C-alpha cells in the first residue's frame, strides 16, 4: 500500500467506492422498537453517521430464537424489514453506505428472552460463566441445548433467509458476526465446542459451520457484498481456545475462496494476553488474508493512519468515537475537539446519548 494512504483516502470495497477508510463499528444500543423492529429514532441515529466510509449496523438477529439481549433489532419479520428499510433509505439519502450485521447469540442468552422459554442453543451443552442482562435484570446463564445436525442445517437456512431479508431492506451488503463469543465463534473455539461429529473435534470441523453460513449468505449477496467479523484474542462471553492461531489461520485461508468484501478482525482481548488462549501476533492473519482487511479496537487518528501506512490494515472501524461523534470524519479531518462519550447512556433509553450528541457548528 502506498505510504500516502490515510483514513481520508478512498477505497474500493466490492462494487462500492467508499469516500474514506473509516467504518462505523457494529455497536449494540438496545433501542429497537416493538417486535424488535427498528424505529424512526434508529434511522435518525444511523443517518447522522452517514459520513462514515461504511456503516456496519448493530447485530441483528437472524431469527426469533437467536436473541441474546432485550430491545435488539432483528431481520426475520416483515416489520423488522420495513423498519430497516427506513434506516437504509435515511442513510442513502445522505450519501452513505450501510451493511447489516447478521447475528445469532447462541448460548449467550436466557430462556426469558426466547420464544416459549426455550433453552439457548450452542455447539455443546456447556454453561458459560457469568450473567446475562434480561428484561428482569441480570440472571445467571443456563446450560444451553447442544444442537443436533438437523438443527444446525436449519440455522444455516435462517442465515440464508435473513440475508434475503437484508437485501429486501435495501442494505448495501451484510457482515456475518463470527466474533465475541456468539454462535459462530462458539463453534470455532474448543473451549465451547466439544463435539465429536462433523462440526467438532478437529480444526476443519469446528470451522465448518462458519464456512457453510458464509456460502449460504454469499449465494444471496455475492461474495463481494459480504464481510465477516472475527475476534481471535477476545475472551468476552467466556471464550477460549487451546490453539487460536491454528483455528483462525485455517478459517481465514478457507474464507479467501469466497472473494469477500472484507475481513473485519477486532483486536479486543489484546490487552489481556493469554485470557482467551495462547497469545499470537494478529499480523500473521493479515498476511494470510487476500482481500481488504479491517482492524478495530481503541484506534485514534494517529494509530489508524500508522496502521494504514504500514499496510497492517486497509480500513479501521471506530466504535465509541462514532457513537459520541456523529460527524467523526469531519472532526478528524479538521482536528476538532471530540465529544465526550457518556457510558451511562450506551445501552437502552431514548434520544439521550443516542441522537443528541452535537455536531460541529
Protein backbone atom coordinates (compact mmCIF):
# COMPACT_ATOMS: atom_id res chain seq x y z
CA UNK A 1 0.00 0.00 0.00
CA UNK A 2 1.38 3.48 -0.87
CA UNK A 3 2.72 5.36 2.14
CA UNK A 4 0.41 8.33 1.46
CA UNK A 5 -2.76 6.33 2.16
CA UNK A 6 -4.66 7.77 5.16
CA UNK A 7 -8.08 7.44 6.76
CA UNK A 8 -9.31 10.08 4.32
CA UNK A 9 -8.31 8.12 1.21
CA UNK A 10 -10.94 6.47 -0.99
CA UNK A 11 -11.10 2.67 -1.15
CA UNK A 12 -12.93 0.18 -3.35
CA UNK A 13 -14.88 -2.39 -1.33
CA UNK A 14 -16.74 -4.80 -3.55
CA UNK A 15 -18.77 -2.71 -6.02
CA UNK A 16 -18.57 0.41 -3.85
CA UNK A 17 -16.08 3.27 -3.82
CA UNK A 18 -16.02 4.43 -0.21
CA UNK A 19 -15.09 8.10 0.38
CA UNK A 20 -12.86 7.28 3.35
CA UNK A 21 -11.45 4.31 5.26
CA UNK A 22 -13.36 4.93 8.48
CA UNK A 23 -16.02 2.33 9.24
CA UNK A 24 -18.58 2.71 11.98
CA UNK A 25 -18.19 -0.47 14.04
CA UNK A 26 -21.24 -2.54 14.99
CA UNK A 27 -22.48 -1.43 18.42
CA UNK A 28 -25.41 -2.86 20.35
CA UNK A 29 -27.55 0.05 21.59
CA UNK A 30 -30.75 -1.72 22.82
CA UNK A 31 -33.13 0.78 21.28
CA UNK A 32 -35.24 -1.29 18.88
CA UNK A 33 -38.98 -0.76 18.96
CA UNK A 34 -41.93 -3.11 19.34
CA UNK A 35 -41.28 -6.57 17.96
CA UNK A 36 -37.54 -5.82 17.88
CA UNK A 37 -38.15 -3.69 14.79
CA UNK A 38 -36.04 -0.59 14.04
CA UNK A 39 -37.93 2.66 14.53
CA UNK A 40 -37.53 6.25 13.25
CA UNK A 41 -35.14 7.07 16.10
CA UNK A 42 -32.78 4.37 14.81
CA UNK A 43 -32.98 5.80 11.29
CA UNK A 44 -32.00 9.22 12.62
CA UNK A 45 -29.06 7.74 14.55
CA UNK A 46 -27.59 5.95 11.55
CA UNK A 47 -28.28 8.80 9.12
CA UNK A 48 -26.38 11.19 11.41
CA UNK A 49 -23.30 8.99 10.90
CA UNK A 50 -23.58 8.60 7.12
CA UNK A 51 -20.22 10.33 6.71
CA UNK A 52 -18.53 7.05 7.61
CA UNK A 53 -16.96 5.30 4.67
CA UNK A 54 -19.07 2.33 5.72
CA UNK A 55 -21.64 1.89 8.48
CA UNK A 56 -21.89 -1.61 9.95
CA UNK A 57 -25.09 -1.88 11.94
CA UNK A 58 -25.52 -3.30 15.38
CA UNK A 59 -26.03 -7.05 15.40
CA UNK A 60 -29.44 -8.03 14.01
CA UNK A 61 -30.88 -11.40 14.98
CA UNK A 62 -31.48 -13.83 12.14
CA UNK A 63 -34.40 -15.50 13.94
CA UNK A 64 -36.64 -15.12 16.98
CA UNK A 65 -34.64 -17.79 18.81
CA UNK A 66 -31.31 -16.10 18.04
CA UNK A 67 -31.92 -13.25 20.52
CA UNK A 68 -29.50 -12.61 23.37
CA UNK A 69 -30.48 -9.21 24.78
CA UNK A 70 -33.62 -7.06 25.14
CA UNK A 71 -34.58 -4.41 22.57
CA UNK A 72 -32.08 -5.51 19.92
CA UNK A 73 -33.25 -5.46 16.29
CA UNK A 74 -33.98 -8.49 14.17
CA UNK A 75 -34.10 -9.21 10.45
CA UNK A 76 -36.61 -12.07 10.37
CA UNK A 77 -40.06 -10.40 10.30
CA UNK A 78 -41.86 -8.13 7.85
CA UNK A 79 -42.00 -5.34 10.44
CA UNK A 80 -38.24 -5.59 11.01
CA UNK A 81 -37.52 -5.47 7.28
CA UNK A 82 -39.75 -2.39 6.98
CA UNK A 83 -38.02 -0.76 9.94
CA UNK A 84 -34.60 -1.38 8.48
CA UNK A 85 -35.80 -0.03 5.11
CA UNK A 86 -36.42 3.27 6.88
CA UNK A 87 -32.83 3.16 8.13
CA UNK A 88 -31.25 2.37 4.77
CA UNK A 89 -33.32 5.00 2.98
CA UNK A 90 -32.21 7.63 5.51
CA UNK A 91 -28.53 6.67 5.20
CA UNK A 92 -28.64 6.56 1.40
CA UNK A 93 -30.35 9.95 1.29
CA UNK A 94 -27.19 11.35 2.91
CA UNK A 95 -24.86 9.50 0.54
CA UNK A 96 -23.79 6.77 2.96
CA UNK A 97 -23.12 3.04 2.62
CA UNK A 98 -24.51 0.60 5.17
CA UNK A 99 -24.06 -3.15 5.81
CA UNK A 100 -26.28 -5.14 8.17
CA UNK A 101 -24.58 -7.39 10.73
CA UNK A 102 -26.18 -10.87 10.84
CA UNK A 103 -26.23 -12.19 14.42
CA UNK A 104 -27.07 -15.36 16.31
CA UNK A 105 -26.26 -15.17 20.02
CA UNK A 106 -26.26 -18.92 20.66
CA UNK A 107 -25.65 -19.76 24.31
CA UNK A 108 -25.28 -16.07 25.25
CA UNK A 109 -28.96 -15.73 26.02
CA UNK A 110 -31.63 -16.77 28.53
CA UNK A 111 -34.97 -18.64 28.31
CA UNK A 112 -36.82 -15.48 29.33
CA UNK A 113 -35.67 -13.86 26.06
CA UNK A 114 -36.62 -16.75 23.77
CA UNK A 115 -39.94 -17.98 22.33
CA UNK A 116 -41.73 -20.35 24.69
CA UNK A 117 -38.95 -20.05 27.26
CA UNK A 118 -36.80 -22.47 25.26
CA UNK A 119 -33.15 -23.04 26.08
CA UNK A 120 -30.45 -21.13 24.23
CA UNK A 121 -28.54 -23.25 21.73
CA UNK A 122 -24.82 -23.96 21.36
CA UNK A 123 -22.40 -26.44 19.81
CA UNK A 124 -22.11 -28.21 23.18
CA UNK A 125 -24.08 -28.19 26.41
CA UNK A 126 -21.53 -26.03 28.25
CA UNK A 127 -22.83 -23.28 30.51
CA UNK A 128 -20.86 -20.04 30.10
CA UNK A 129 -19.62 -18.28 33.21
CA UNK A 130 -21.33 -15.06 34.19
CA UNK A 131 -24.71 -13.43 33.82
CA UNK A 132 -26.85 -12.02 31.03
CA UNK A 133 -28.99 -8.88 31.04
CA UNK A 134 -32.70 -9.70 30.65
CA UNK A 135 -35.97 -7.79 30.95
CA UNK A 136 -35.97 -8.92 34.59
CA UNK A 137 -32.42 -7.71 35.20
CA UNK A 138 -29.20 -9.71 35.44
CA UNK A 139 -29.62 -13.50 35.53
CA UNK A 140 -27.20 -16.41 35.52
CA UNK A 141 -26.54 -18.09 32.21
CA UNK A 142 -28.13 -21.52 31.82
CA UNK A 143 -26.75 -24.72 30.33
CA UNK A 144 -27.62 -24.49 26.62
CA UNK A 145 -29.10 -27.10 24.34
CA UNK A 146 -26.49 -28.80 22.14
CA UNK A 147 -27.62 -28.51 18.53
CA UNK A 148 -28.38 -31.63 16.53
CA UNK A 149 -27.21 -31.96 12.93
CA UNK A 150 -30.70 -31.22 11.63
CA UNK A 151 -30.94 -28.14 13.84
CA UNK A 152 -27.60 -26.89 12.51
CA UNK A 153 -28.93 -27.26 8.98
CA UNK A 154 -31.99 -25.21 9.95
CA UNK A 155 -29.80 -22.43 11.35
CA UNK A 156 -27.90 -22.22 8.05
CA UNK A 157 -31.31 -21.76 6.44
CA UNK A 158 -32.09 -18.96 8.90
CA UNK A 159 -28.92 -17.14 7.86
CA UNK A 160 -29.90 -17.51 4.21
CA UNK A 161 -33.39 -16.16 4.89
CA UNK A 162 -32.05 -13.26 6.96
CA UNK A 163 -29.62 -12.39 4.16
CA UNK A 164 -32.54 -12.23 1.71
CA UNK A 165 -34.45 -10.01 4.12
CA UNK A 166 -31.46 -7.68 4.37
CA UNK A 167 -31.44 -7.43 0.58
CA UNK A 168 -35.14 -6.53 0.64
CA UNK A 169 -34.46 -3.91 3.31
CA UNK A 170 -32.14 -2.04 0.97
CA UNK A 171 -28.76 -2.67 2.55
CA UNK A 172 -25.56 -2.37 0.52
CA UNK A 173 -24.26 -5.64 1.96
CA UNK A 174 -24.07 -7.73 5.11
CA UNK A 175 -21.47 -8.62 7.70
CA UNK A 176 -21.55 -12.09 9.27
CA UNK A 177 -20.96 -11.82 13.01
CA UNK A 178 -18.40 -14.53 13.76
CA UNK A 179 -16.91 -12.82 16.80
CA UNK A 180 -17.22 -12.02 20.51
CA UNK A 181 -18.46 -15.35 21.79
CA UNK A 182 -21.68 -15.64 19.78
CA UNK A 183 -22.85 -18.76 17.96
CA UNK A 184 -20.37 -18.99 15.07
CA UNK A 185 -17.48 -18.12 17.38
CA UNK A 186 -18.75 -20.77 19.82
CA UNK A 187 -18.40 -23.38 17.08
CA UNK A 188 -14.89 -22.22 16.18
CA UNK A 189 -13.29 -22.45 19.62
CA UNK A 190 -12.62 -25.65 21.52
CA UNK A 191 -13.49 -24.06 24.88
CA UNK A 192 -17.14 -24.04 23.79
CA UNK A 193 -17.19 -26.71 21.08
CA UNK A 194 -16.54 -30.23 22.37
CA UNK A 195 -18.49 -32.11 19.73
CA UNK A 196 -17.18 -35.34 18.22
CA UNK A 197 -19.16 -35.22 14.97
CA UNK A 198 -18.90 -33.35 11.64
CA UNK A 199 -18.94 -29.96 13.41
CA UNK A 200 -16.34 -30.56 16.11
CA UNK A 201 -13.21 -32.35 17.29
CA UNK A 202 -10.81 -31.00 14.62
CA UNK A 203 -9.92 -27.53 13.37
CA UNK A 204 -11.55 -28.10 9.99
CA UNK A 205 -14.75 -29.45 11.53
CA UNK A 206 -15.05 -26.59 14.02
CA UNK A 207 -14.71 -24.14 11.13
CA UNK A 208 -17.37 -25.92 9.09
CA UNK A 209 -20.45 -24.01 10.27
CA UNK A 210 -18.88 -20.61 9.71
CA UNK A 211 -17.91 -21.61 6.18
CA UNK A 212 -21.32 -23.09 5.39
CA UNK A 213 -23.04 -19.95 6.68
CA UNK A 214 -20.71 -17.81 4.56
CA UNK A 215 -21.52 -19.91 1.50
CA UNK A 216 -25.26 -19.54 2.15
CA UNK A 217 -25.05 -15.77 2.60
CA UNK A 218 -22.82 -15.33 -0.45
CA UNK A 219 -25.36 -17.28 -2.52
CA UNK A 220 -27.79 -14.43 -1.79
CA UNK A 221 -25.48 -11.42 -1.99
CA UNK A 222 -22.42 -12.49 -3.96
CA UNK A 223 -19.16 -12.59 -2.05
CA UNK A 224 -18.16 -9.02 -2.88
CA UNK A 225 -21.01 -7.60 -0.78
CA UNK A 226 -20.37 -9.79 2.27
CA UNK A 227 -17.96 -9.14 5.13
CA UNK A 228 -17.19 -11.21 8.21
CA UNK A 229 -16.03 -10.26 11.71
CA UNK A 230 -13.66 -12.37 13.86
CA UNK A 231 -12.19 -11.87 17.35
CA UNK A 232 -9.19 -14.23 17.75
CA UNK A 233 -7.99 -12.82 21.10
CA UNK A 234 -11.34 -11.99 22.68
CA UNK A 235 -12.22 -13.77 25.97
CA UNK A 236 -15.60 -11.97 26.22
CA UNK A 237 -18.57 -14.28 26.88
CA UNK A 238 -16.29 -16.91 28.45
CA UNK A 239 -14.42 -17.76 25.25
CA UNK A 240 -11.09 -19.56 24.92
CA UNK A 241 -9.23 -21.87 22.57
CA UNK A 242 -6.18 -24.07 23.07
CA UNK A 243 -4.73 -23.24 19.61
CA UNK A 244 -6.20 -19.91 18.45
CA UNK A 245 -3.55 -19.21 15.84
CA UNK A 246 -4.24 -22.55 14.18
CA UNK A 247 -8.04 -22.29 14.09
CA UNK A 248 -8.18 -18.67 12.95
CA UNK A 249 -5.43 -19.14 10.36
CA UNK A 250 -7.36 -22.10 8.96
CA UNK A 251 -10.70 -20.35 8.77
CA UNK A 252 -9.19 -17.26 7.10
CA UNK A 253 -7.45 -19.41 4.48
CA UNK A 254 -10.79 -21.03 3.74
CA UNK A 255 -12.67 -17.72 3.68
CA UNK A 256 -10.33 -16.48 0.95
CA UNK A 257 -12.17 -18.57 -1.62
CA UNK A 258 -15.40 -16.56 -1.29
CA UNK A 259 -13.98 -13.24 -2.56
CA UNK A 260 -15.49 -11.35 0.37
CA UNK A 261 -15.80 -7.57 0.56
CA UNK A 262 -13.59 -7.51 3.66
CA UNK A 263 -12.37 -9.34 6.74
CA UNK A 264 -13.04 -7.43 9.98
CA UNK A 265 -10.68 -8.53 12.77
CA UNK A 266 -11.09 -6.92 16.18
CA UNK A 267 -8.04 -6.73 18.42
CA UNK A 268 -10.19 -6.78 21.56
CA UNK A 269 -8.56 -9.02 24.14
CA UNK A 270 -5.06 -7.97 23.11
CA UNK A 271 -4.81 -6.09 26.38
CA UNK A 272 -5.30 -9.38 28.29
CA UNK A 273 -2.63 -11.70 26.84
CA UNK A 274 -3.49 -15.36 27.29
CA UNK A 275 -7.03 -14.76 28.61
CA UNK A 276 -8.60 -16.49 25.59
CA UNK A 277 -5.75 -18.92 25.00
CA UNK A 278 -2.14 -18.66 23.83
CA UNK A 279 -1.41 -15.17 22.54
CA UNK A 280 -0.17 -14.69 18.98
CA UNK A 281 0.56 -11.89 16.51
CA UNK A 282 -2.58 -10.88 14.60
CA UNK A 283 -0.29 -9.62 11.84
CA UNK A 284 0.01 -13.24 10.76
CA UNK A 285 -3.69 -13.26 9.88
CA UNK A 286 -3.32 -10.10 7.84
CA UNK A 287 -0.68 -11.87 5.73
CA UNK A 288 -2.95 -14.88 5.11
CA UNK A 289 -5.94 -12.80 4.02
CA UNK A 290 -6.04 -11.90 0.31
CA UNK A 291 -8.67 -9.15 0.40
CA UNK A 292 -9.47 -5.90 2.19
CA UNK A 293 -8.60 -6.09 5.89
CA UNK A 294 -10.37 -4.02 8.53
CA UNK A 295 -8.99 -3.67 12.06
CA UNK A 296 -10.67 -2.42 15.22
CA UNK A 297 -10.21 -1.65 18.91
CA UNK A 298 -9.32 1.64 20.52
CA UNK A 299 -7.76 3.31 17.49
CA UNK A 300 -7.31 7.06 17.28
CA UNK A 301 -6.37 9.10 14.21
CA UNK A 302 -2.61 8.71 14.63
CA UNK A 303 -2.68 4.96 15.29
CA UNK A 304 -5.13 4.37 12.47
CA UNK A 305 -3.04 6.27 9.92
CA UNK A 306 0.08 4.47 11.12
CA UNK A 307 -1.64 1.10 10.61
CA UNK A 308 -2.68 2.07 7.08
CA UNK A 309 0.78 3.39 6.22
CA UNK A 310 2.38 0.16 7.48
CA UNK A 311 -0.07 -1.93 5.40
CA UNK A 312 -1.33 -3.51 8.63
CA UNK A 313 -4.90 -2.70 7.55
CA UNK A 314 -6.93 -1.23 4.69
CA UNK A 315 -9.73 0.18 6.84
CA UNK A 316 -10.23 0.93 10.55
CA UNK A 317 -13.56 0.69 12.36
CA UNK A 318 -14.41 3.00 15.23
CA UNK A 319 -16.98 2.28 17.92
CA UNK A 320 -17.33 4.68 20.85
CA UNK A 321 -15.77 7.53 18.86
CA UNK A 322 -18.57 7.25 16.27
CA UNK A 323 -21.17 6.80 19.00
CA UNK A 324 -20.24 10.16 20.57
CA UNK A 325 -19.32 11.98 17.34
CA UNK A 326 -21.87 11.61 14.56
CA UNK A 327 -19.65 13.75 12.32
CA UNK A 328 -16.44 11.91 13.24
CA UNK A 329 -14.76 12.00 9.79
CA UNK A 330 -15.27 15.76 9.53
CA UNK A 331 -13.99 16.33 13.07
CA UNK A 332 -10.87 14.26 12.48
CA UNK A 333 -10.20 15.98 9.17
CA UNK A 334 -10.31 19.40 10.87
CA UNK A 335 -8.54 18.34 14.06
CA UNK A 336 -11.61 19.44 16.02
CA UNK A 337 -12.32 18.57 19.63
CA UNK A 338 -14.21 15.29 20.09
CA UNK A 339 -17.34 14.92 22.20
CA UNK A 340 -17.01 13.02 25.48
CA UNK A 341 -18.97 9.75 25.44
CA UNK A 342 -21.49 9.05 28.21
CA UNK A 343 -21.29 5.34 29.19
CA UNK A 344 -24.47 5.63 31.27
CA UNK A 345 -26.49 6.05 28.05
CA UNK A 346 -24.75 3.46 25.88
CA UNK A 347 -27.49 0.83 26.29
CA UNK A 348 -31.23 1.39 26.24
CA UNK A 349 -33.25 4.57 26.61
CA UNK A 350 -34.24 7.15 24.04
CA UNK A 351 -32.53 10.01 22.24
CA UNK A 352 -30.28 10.97 25.18
CA UNK A 353 -26.81 9.63 24.47
CA UNK A 354 -28.05 8.35 21.12
CA UNK A 355 -29.10 11.09 18.71
CA UNK A 356 -28.36 14.18 20.82
CA UNK A 357 -24.55 14.31 20.57
CA UNK A 358 -23.74 17.67 18.94
CA UNK A 359 -22.13 18.11 15.55
CA UNK A 360 -19.65 20.86 14.71
CA UNK A 361 -21.15 24.28 14.09
